[in-house]
Amino acid sequence: MKIKEIVVKAMRISLIPSVEWKVIKNEQETPKELMWNFAFPVILFSAVGRDIGLFLVAKSVLGYSLNLAILLLFNLVSWVLIPYLLVMLAAYLLDFSLPKLGIETDYLRVLKLVLYTFTPLFIVTFFLYLHPLLRILIPIGIYIFIAYTLYVFWYGVQELFDITLEKKLRFIVITILVGFIIIFLAQHIYGLLLGWVMPGMEAYVK
């Protein structure tokens, strides 16, 4: 997938999900292709924004030093690797648990739902972490963003799963729980790793 195609798809799923989910439904990529061709570039984009923001904060503490280079490399690798693995984990958890609720599914469909629902989060994260001052918008916009994420998610469920309203509500509840667990794990794992690699820097990367 070319960069232009990735950008267009990411913007379409973020801005016009009701239209883009219809396209995504019929795409025939394998899970491996989907994670490499779309997930990796989008997650990398998000991680670069975090790295730029961290550089602006940490340079005043560490100066232009080897420690700064190590911190930035660690931050970049962490925010590529952790979300990448957790997206796959979330898809596996849903693929395992949904049949127990009577919802027939397959791993590719669930992976599409998880990945494309989180795509707006990856895009917004780039801009929110790009400069330290922008982070003040996080508490202000978090409720709006959660509502919009549910809006994107709802259209995904509508298109990818032909199930009753009752099952859709169950689907939403269990997915929200899994989503919150995944986000918590991402932050927690990163904090633990950072504390191990460079103690005392946790306060500068929140």
C-alpha atoms as a PDB file:
ATOM      1  CA  MET A   1       0.000   0.000   0.000  1.00  0.00           C
ATOM      2  CA  LYS A   2       1.448   3.381  -1.023  1.00  0.00           C
ATOM      3  CA  ILE A   3       1.751   6.285   1.408  1.00  0.00           C
ATOM      4  CA  LYS A   4      -0.959   8.245  -0.389  1.00  0.00           C
ATOM      5  CA  GLU A   5      -3.355   5.302  -0.132  1.00  0.00           C
ATOM      6  CA  ILE A   6      -2.614   4.917   3.587  1.00  0.00           C
ATOM      7  CA  VAL A   7      -3.246   8.617   4.214  1.00  0.00           C
ATOM      8  CA  VAL A   8      -6.492   8.583   2.231  1.00  0.00           C
ATOM      9  CA  LYS A   9      -7.776   5.461   4.004  1.00  0.00           C
ATOM     10  CA  ALA A  10      -6.834   6.793   7.449  1.00  0.00           C
ATOM     11  CA  MET A  11      -8.577  10.098   6.757  1.00  0.00           C
ATOM     12  CA  ARG A  12     -11.665   8.429   5.300  1.00  0.00           C
ATOM     13  CA  ILE A  13     -12.150   6.039   8.233  1.00  0.00           C
ATOM     14  CA  SER A  14     -11.654   8.982  10.598  1.00  0.00           C
ATOM     15  CA  LEU A  15     -13.937  11.455   8.829  1.00  0.00           C
ATOM     16  CA  ILE A  16     -16.491   9.399   6.889  1.00  0.00           C
ATOM     17  CA  PRO A  17     -16.619   5.981   8.623  1.00  0.00           C
ATOM     18  CA  SER A  18     -20.130   5.230   7.379  1.00  0.00           C
ATOM     19  CA  VAL A  19     -18.764   5.217   3.821  1.00  0.00           C
ATOM     20  CA  GLU A  20     -15.314   3.733   4.386  1.00  0.00           C
ATOM     21  CA  TRP A  21     -16.515   0.717   6.395  1.00  0.00           C
ATOM     22  CA  LYS A  22     -18.443  -0.432   3.313  1.00  0.00           C
ATOM     23  CA  VAL A  23     -15.160  -0.477   1.377  1.00  0.00           C
ATOM     24  CA  ILE A  24     -13.234  -2.154   4.189  1.00  0.00           C
ATOM     25  CA  LYS A  25     -15.856  -4.911   4.467  1.00  0.00           C
ATOM     26  CA  ASN A  26     -14.993  -6.236   1.003  1.00  0.00           C
ATOM     27  CA  GLU A  27     -11.211  -5.952   1.206  1.00  0.00           C
ATOM     28  CA  GLN A  28      -9.425  -9.299   1.048  1.00  0.00           C
ATOM     29  CA  GLU A  29      -6.084  -8.595   2.749  1.00  0.00           C
ATOM     30  CA  THR A  30      -4.688 -11.236   5.070  1.00  0.00           C
ATOM     31  CA  PRO A  31      -4.136 -10.257   8.739  1.00  0.00           C
ATOM     32  CA  LYS A  32      -0.379 -10.144   8.091  1.00  0.00           C
ATOM     33  CA  GLU A  33      -0.811  -7.836   5.082  1.00  0.00           C
ATOM     34  CA  LEU A  34      -3.208  -5.606   6.992  1.00  0.00           C
ATOM     35  CA  MET A  35      -0.861  -5.226   9.953  1.00  0.00           C
ATOM     36  CA  TRP A  36       2.205  -4.581   7.819  1.00  0.00           C
ATOM     37  CA  ASN A  37       0.703  -2.477   5.017  1.00  0.00           C
ATOM     38  CA  PHE A  38      -1.609  -0.269   7.089  1.00  0.00           C
ATOM     39  CA  ALA A  39      -1.184  -0.735  10.853  1.00  0.00           C
ATOM     40  CA  PHE A  40       2.584  -0.339  10.940  1.00  0.00           C
ATOM     41  CA  PRO A  41       2.757   2.978   9.004  1.00  0.00           C
ATOM     42  CA  VAL A  42      -0.140   4.512  10.966  1.00  0.00           C
ATOM     43  CA  ILE A  43       1.279   3.433  14.334  1.00  0.00           C
ATOM     44  CA  LEU A  44       4.727   4.685  13.286  1.00  0.00           C
ATOM     45  CA  PHE A  45       3.184   8.049  12.370  1.00  0.00           C
ATOM     46  CA  SER A  46       1.663   8.267  15.846  1.00  0.00           C
ATOM     47  CA  ALA A  47       4.969   7.306  17.485  1.00  0.00           C
ATOM     48  CA  VAL A  48       6.902   9.971  15.539  1.00  0.00           C
ATOM     49  CA  GLY A  49       4.564  12.652  16.910  1.00  0.00           C
ATOM     50  CA  ARG A  50       5.211  11.407  20.429  1.00  0.00           C
ATOM     51  CA  ASP A  51       8.953  11.450  19.770  1.00  0.00           C
ATOM     52  CA  ILE A  52       8.964  15.028  18.501  1.00  0.00           C
ATOM     53  CA  GLY A  53       7.030  16.174  21.565  1.00  0.00           C
ATOM     54  CA  LEU A  54       9.341  14.258  23.892  1.00  0.00           C
ATOM     55  CA  PHE A  55      12.389  15.797  22.218  1.00  0.00           C
ATOM     56  CA  LEU A  56      11.062  19.314  22.884  1.00  0.00           C
ATOM     57  CA  VAL A  57      10.590  18.471  26.577  1.00  0.00           C
ATOM     58  CA  ALA A  58      13.594  16.242  27.280  1.00  0.00           C
ATOM     59  CA  LYS A  59      16.286  18.352  25.582  1.00  0.00           C
ATOM     60  CA  SER A  60      16.023  20.921  28.383  1.00  0.00           C
ATOM     61  CA  VAL A  61      16.630  18.169  30.947  1.00  0.00           C
ATOM     62  CA  LEU A  62      19.161  15.943  29.196  1.00  0.00           C
ATOM     63  CA  GLY A  63      20.663  18.388  26.704  1.00  0.00           C
ATOM     64  CA  TYR A  64      21.953  17.154  23.361  1.00  0.00           C
ATOM     65  CA  SER A  65      23.420  13.973  24.789  1.00  0.00           C
ATOM     66  CA  LEU A  66      23.626  10.248  24.316  1.00  0.00           C
ATOM     67  CA  ASN A  67      20.949   9.840  26.989  1.00  0.00           C
ATOM     68  CA  LEU A  68      18.589  11.987  24.931  1.00  0.00           C
ATOM     69  CA  ALA A  69      19.242   9.853  21.839  1.00  0.00           C
ATOM     70  CA  ILE A  70      18.647   6.655  23.851  1.00  0.00           C
ATOM     71  CA  LEU A  71      15.420   8.056  25.322  1.00  0.00           C
ATOM     72  CA  LEU A  72      14.079   9.089  21.911  1.00  0.00           C
ATOM     73  CA  LEU A  73      14.960   5.744  20.348  1.00  0.00           C
ATOM     74  CA  PHE A  74      13.380   3.866  23.253  1.00  0.00           C
ATOM     75  CA  ASN A  75      10.248   6.023  23.054  1.00  0.00           C
ATOM     76  CA  LEU A  76       9.887   5.534  19.299  1.00  0.00           C
ATOM     77  CA  VAL A  77      10.405   1.765  19.396  1.00  0.00           C
ATOM     78  CA  SER A  78       8.072   1.396  22.394  1.00  0.00           C
ATOM     79  CA  TRP A  79       5.190   3.313  20.826  1.00  0.00           C
ATOM     80  CA  VAL A  80       5.497   1.294  17.636  1.00  0.00           C
ATOM     81  CA  LEU A  81       5.898  -2.125  19.219  1.00  0.00           C
ATOM     82  CA  ILE A  82       3.437  -1.844  22.134  1.00  0.00           C
ATOM     83  CA  PRO A  83       0.381  -0.628  20.154  1.00  0.00           C
ATOM     84  CA  TYR A  84       1.182  -3.049  17.315  1.00  0.00           C
ATOM     85  CA  LEU A  85       1.182  -6.047  19.651  1.00  0.00           C
ATOM     86  CA  LEU A  86      -1.819  -4.831  21.658  1.00  0.00           C
ATOM     87  CA  VAL A  87      -3.958  -4.370  18.538  1.00  0.00           C
ATOM     88  CA  MET A  88      -3.315  -8.025  17.698  1.00  0.00           C
ATOM     89  CA  LEU A  89      -3.968  -9.045  21.313  1.00  0.00           C
ATOM     90  CA  ALA A  90      -7.282  -7.165  21.380  1.00  0.00           C
ATOM     91  CA  ALA A  91      -8.329  -8.882  18.159  1.00  0.00           C
ATOM     92  CA  TYR A  92      -7.407 -12.301  19.578  1.00  0.00           C
ATOM     93  CA  LEU A  93      -9.363 -11.633  22.774  1.00  0.00           C
ATOM     94  CA  LEU A  94     -12.453 -10.584  20.844  1.00  0.00           C
ATOM     95  CA  ASP A  95     -12.103 -13.465  18.401  1.00  0.00           C
ATOM     96  CA  PHE A  96     -12.016 -15.833  21.393  1.00  0.00           C
ATOM     97  CA  SER A  97     -14.797 -14.246  23.446  1.00  0.00           C
ATOM     98  CA  LEU A  98     -17.411 -13.182  20.875  1.00  0.00           C
ATOM     99  CA  PRO A  99     -18.445 -16.736  19.847  1.00  0.00           C
ATOM    100  CA  LYS A 100     -19.250 -17.365  23.508  1.00  0.00           C
ATOM    101  CA  LEU A 101     -21.860 -14.584  23.186  1.00  0.00           C
ATOM    102  CA  GLY A 102     -23.330 -16.236  20.125  1.00  0.00           C
ATOM    103  CA  ILE A 103     -21.625 -13.855  17.692  1.00  0.00           C
ATOM    104  CA  GLU A 104     -20.020 -15.623  14.756  1.00  0.00           C
ATOM    105  CA  THR A 105     -16.808 -14.016  13.619  1.00  0.00           C
ATOM    106  CA  ASP A 106     -13.325 -14.606  12.273  1.00  0.00           C
ATOM    107  CA  TYR A 107      -9.968 -13.102  13.161  1.00  0.00           C
ATOM    108  CA  LEU A 108      -9.668 -10.902  10.058  1.00  0.00           C
ATOM    109  CA  ARG A 109     -13.028  -9.213  10.624  1.00  0.00           C
ATOM    110  CA  VAL A 110     -12.259  -8.556  14.288  1.00  0.00           C
ATOM    111  CA  LEU A 111      -8.771  -7.292  13.428  1.00  0.00           C
ATOM    112  CA  LYS A 112     -10.274  -4.859  10.904  1.00  0.00           C
ATOM    113  CA  LEU A 113     -12.720  -3.626  13.516  1.00  0.00           C
ATOM    114  CA  VAL A 114     -10.046  -3.065  16.162  1.00  0.00           C
ATOM    115  CA  LEU A 115      -7.427  -1.535  13.874  1.00  0.00           C
ATOM    116  CA  TYR A 116      -9.657   0.854  11.960  1.00  0.00           C
ATOM    117  CA  THR A 117     -11.548   1.911  15.096  1.00  0.00           C
ATOM    118  CA  PHE A 118      -8.224   2.869  16.708  1.00  0.00           C
ATOM    119  CA  THR A 119      -6.956   4.648  13.571  1.00  0.00           C
ATOM    120  CA  PRO A 120      -8.436   8.059  14.547  1.00  0.00           C
ATOM    121  CA  LEU A 121      -6.725   7.655  17.939  1.00  0.00           C
ATOM    122  CA  PHE A 122      -3.345   7.119  16.270  1.00  0.00           C
ATOM    123  CA  ILE A 123      -3.823  10.191  14.092  1.00  0.00           C
ATOM    124  CA  VAL A 124      -4.983  12.445  16.938  1.00  0.00           C
ATOM    125  CA  THR A 125      -2.148  11.177  19.154  1.00  0.00           C
ATOM    126  CA  PHE A 126       0.427  12.440  16.650  1.00  0.00           C
ATOM    127  CA  PHE A 127      -0.885  15.998  16.907  1.00  0.00           C
ATOM    128  CA  LEU A 128      -1.643  16.027  20.650  1.00  0.00           C
ATOM    129  CA  TYR A 129       1.873  14.897  21.547  1.00  0.00           C
ATOM    130  CA  LEU A 130       3.607  16.949  18.854  1.00  0.00           C
ATOM    131  CA  HIS A 131       4.100  19.854  21.256  1.00  0.00           C
ATOM    132  CA  PRO A 132       3.884  19.814  25.085  1.00  0.00           C
ATOM    133  CA  LEU A 133       1.368  22.693  25.127  1.00  0.00           C
ATOM    134  CA  LEU A 134      -1.098  20.698  23.030  1.00  0.00           C
ATOM    135  CA  ARG A 135      -1.415  18.094  25.783  1.00  0.00           C
ATOM    136  CA  ILE A 136      -3.715  20.424  27.726  1.00  0.00           C
ATOM    137  CA  LEU A 137      -6.345  19.480  25.143  1.00  0.00           C
ATOM    138  CA  ILE A 138      -6.350  15.835  26.285  1.00  0.00           C
ATOM    139  CA  PRO A 139      -8.587  16.296  29.381  1.00  0.00           C
ATOM    140  CA  ILE A 140     -10.811  18.721  27.478  1.00  0.00           C
ATOM    141  CA  GLY A 141     -11.389  16.529  24.455  1.00  0.00           C
ATOM    142  CA  ILE A 142     -11.288  13.037  25.940  1.00  0.00           C
ATOM    143  CA  TYR A 143     -15.055  12.675  26.294  1.00  0.00           C
ATOM    144  CA  ILE A 144     -15.673  14.014  22.803  1.00  0.00           C
ATOM    145  CA  PHE A 145     -13.079  11.636  21.407  1.00  0.00           C
ATOM    146  CA  ILE A 146     -14.523   8.620  23.240  1.00  0.00           C
ATOM    147  CA  ALA A 147     -17.944   9.451  21.815  1.00  0.00           C
ATOM    148  CA  TYR A 148     -16.507   9.787  18.314  1.00  0.00           C
ATOM    149  CA  THR A 149     -14.581   6.524  18.642  1.00  0.00           C
ATOM    150  CA  LEU A 150     -17.851   4.775  19.541  1.00  0.00           C
ATOM    151  CA  TYR A 151     -19.416   6.406  16.484  1.00  0.00           C
ATOM    152  CA  VAL A 152     -16.680   4.960  14.235  1.00  0.00           C
ATOM    153  CA  PHE A 153     -16.928   1.612  16.017  1.00  0.00           C
ATOM    154  CA  TRP A 154     -20.729   1.436  15.674  1.00  0.00           C
ATOM    155  CA  TYR A 155     -20.567   1.790  11.903  1.00  0.00           C
ATOM    156  CA  GLY A 156     -17.902  -0.916  11.809  1.00  0.00           C
ATOM    157  CA  VAL A 157     -20.118  -3.331  13.727  1.00  0.00           C
ATOM    158  CA  GLN A 158     -23.029  -2.453  11.437  1.00  0.00           C
ATOM    159  CA  GLU A 159     -21.072  -3.305   8.309  1.00  0.00           C
ATOM    160  CA  LEU A 160     -18.911  -6.229   9.425  1.00  0.00           C
ATOM    161  CA  PHE A 161     -21.398  -8.145  11.585  1.00  0.00           C
ATOM    162  CA  ASP A 162     -24.943  -9.105  10.631  1.00  0.00           C
ATOM    163  CA  ILE A 163     -26.309  -9.515  14.162  1.00  0.00           C
ATOM    164  CA  THR A 164     -29.318  -8.424  16.203  1.00  0.00           C
ATOM    165  CA  LEU A 165     -29.454  -5.186  18.178  1.00  0.00           C
ATOM    166  CA  GLU A 166     -29.204  -7.131  21.451  1.00  0.00           C
ATOM    167  CA  LYS A 167     -26.011  -8.829  20.318  1.00  0.00           C
ATOM    168  CA  LYS A 168     -24.642  -5.520  19.055  1.00  0.00           C
ATOM    169  CA  LEU A 169     -25.079  -4.018  22.514  1.00  0.00           C
ATOM    170  CA  ARG A 170     -23.271  -7.007  24.063  1.00  0.00           C
ATOM    171  CA  PHE A 171     -20.582  -6.615  21.419  1.00  0.00           C
ATOM    172  CA  ILE A 172     -20.109  -2.945  22.283  1.00  0.00           C
ATOM    173  CA  VAL A 173     -19.901  -3.579  26.039  1.00  0.00           C
ATOM    174  CA  ILE A 174     -17.275  -6.318  25.776  1.00  0.00           C
ATOM    175  CA  THR A 175     -15.265  -4.387  23.188  1.00  0.00           C
ATOM    176  CA  ILE A 176     -15.221  -1.246  25.322  1.00  0.00           C
ATOM    177  CA  LEU A 177     -13.923  -3.297  28.256  1.00  0.00           C
ATOM    178  CA  VAL A 178     -11.211  -4.850  26.087  1.00  0.00           C
ATOM    179  CA  GLY A 179     -10.341  -1.411  24.673  1.00  0.00           C
ATOM    180  CA  PHE A 180      -9.867   0.166  28.087  1.00  0.00           C
ATOM    181  CA  ILE A 181      -7.753  -2.780  29.219  1.00  0.00           C
ATOM    182  CA  ILE A 182      -5.570  -2.453  26.120  1.00  0.00           C
ATOM    183  CA  ILE A 183      -5.054   1.305  26.581  1.00  0.00           C
ATOM    184  CA  PHE A 184      -4.234   0.817  30.276  1.00  0.00           C
ATOM    185  CA  LEU A 185      -1.773  -1.958  29.448  1.00  0.00           C
ATOM    186  CA  ALA A 186      -0.045   0.191  26.824  1.00  0.00           C
ATOM    187  CA  GLN A 187       0.571   3.053  29.263  1.00  0.00           C
ATOM    188  CA  HIS A 188       1.488   0.729  32.139  1.00  0.00           C
ATOM    189  CA  ILE A 189       3.950  -1.361  30.135  1.00  0.00           C
ATOM    190  CA  TYR A 190       5.598   1.754  28.720  1.00  0.00           C
ATOM    191  CA  GLY A 191       5.934   3.304  32.179  1.00  0.00           C
ATOM    192  CA  LEU A 192       7.533   0.165  33.591  1.00  0.00           C
ATOM    193  CA  LEU A 193       9.979  -0.139  30.711  1.00  0.00           C
ATOM    194  CA  LEU A 194      10.916   3.545  30.831  1.00  0.00           C
ATOM    195  CA  GLY A 195      11.484   3.361  34.580  1.00  0.00           C
ATOM    196  CA  TRP A 196      13.852   0.467  33.969  1.00  0.00           C
ATOM    197  CA  VAL A 197      15.730   2.042  31.033  1.00  0.00           C
ATOM    198  CA  MET A 198      15.907   5.629  32.318  1.00  0.00           C
ATOM    199  CA  PRO A 199      14.640   6.123  35.889  1.00  0.00           C
ATOM    200  CA  GLY A 200      13.104   9.501  36.689  1.00  0.00           C
ATOM    201  CA  MET A 201      11.975  10.354  33.158  1.00  0.00           C
ATOM    202  CA  GLU A 202       8.402   9.094  33.534  1.00  0.00           C
ATOM    203  CA  ALA A 203       7.140  12.548  34.509  1.00  0.00           C
ATOM    204  CA  TYR A 204       8.315  14.043  31.214  1.00  0.00           C
ATOM    205  CA  VAL A 205       6.542  11.645  28.884  1.00  0.00           C
ATOM    206  CA  LYS A 206       2.987  11.509  30.298  1.00  0.00           C
END
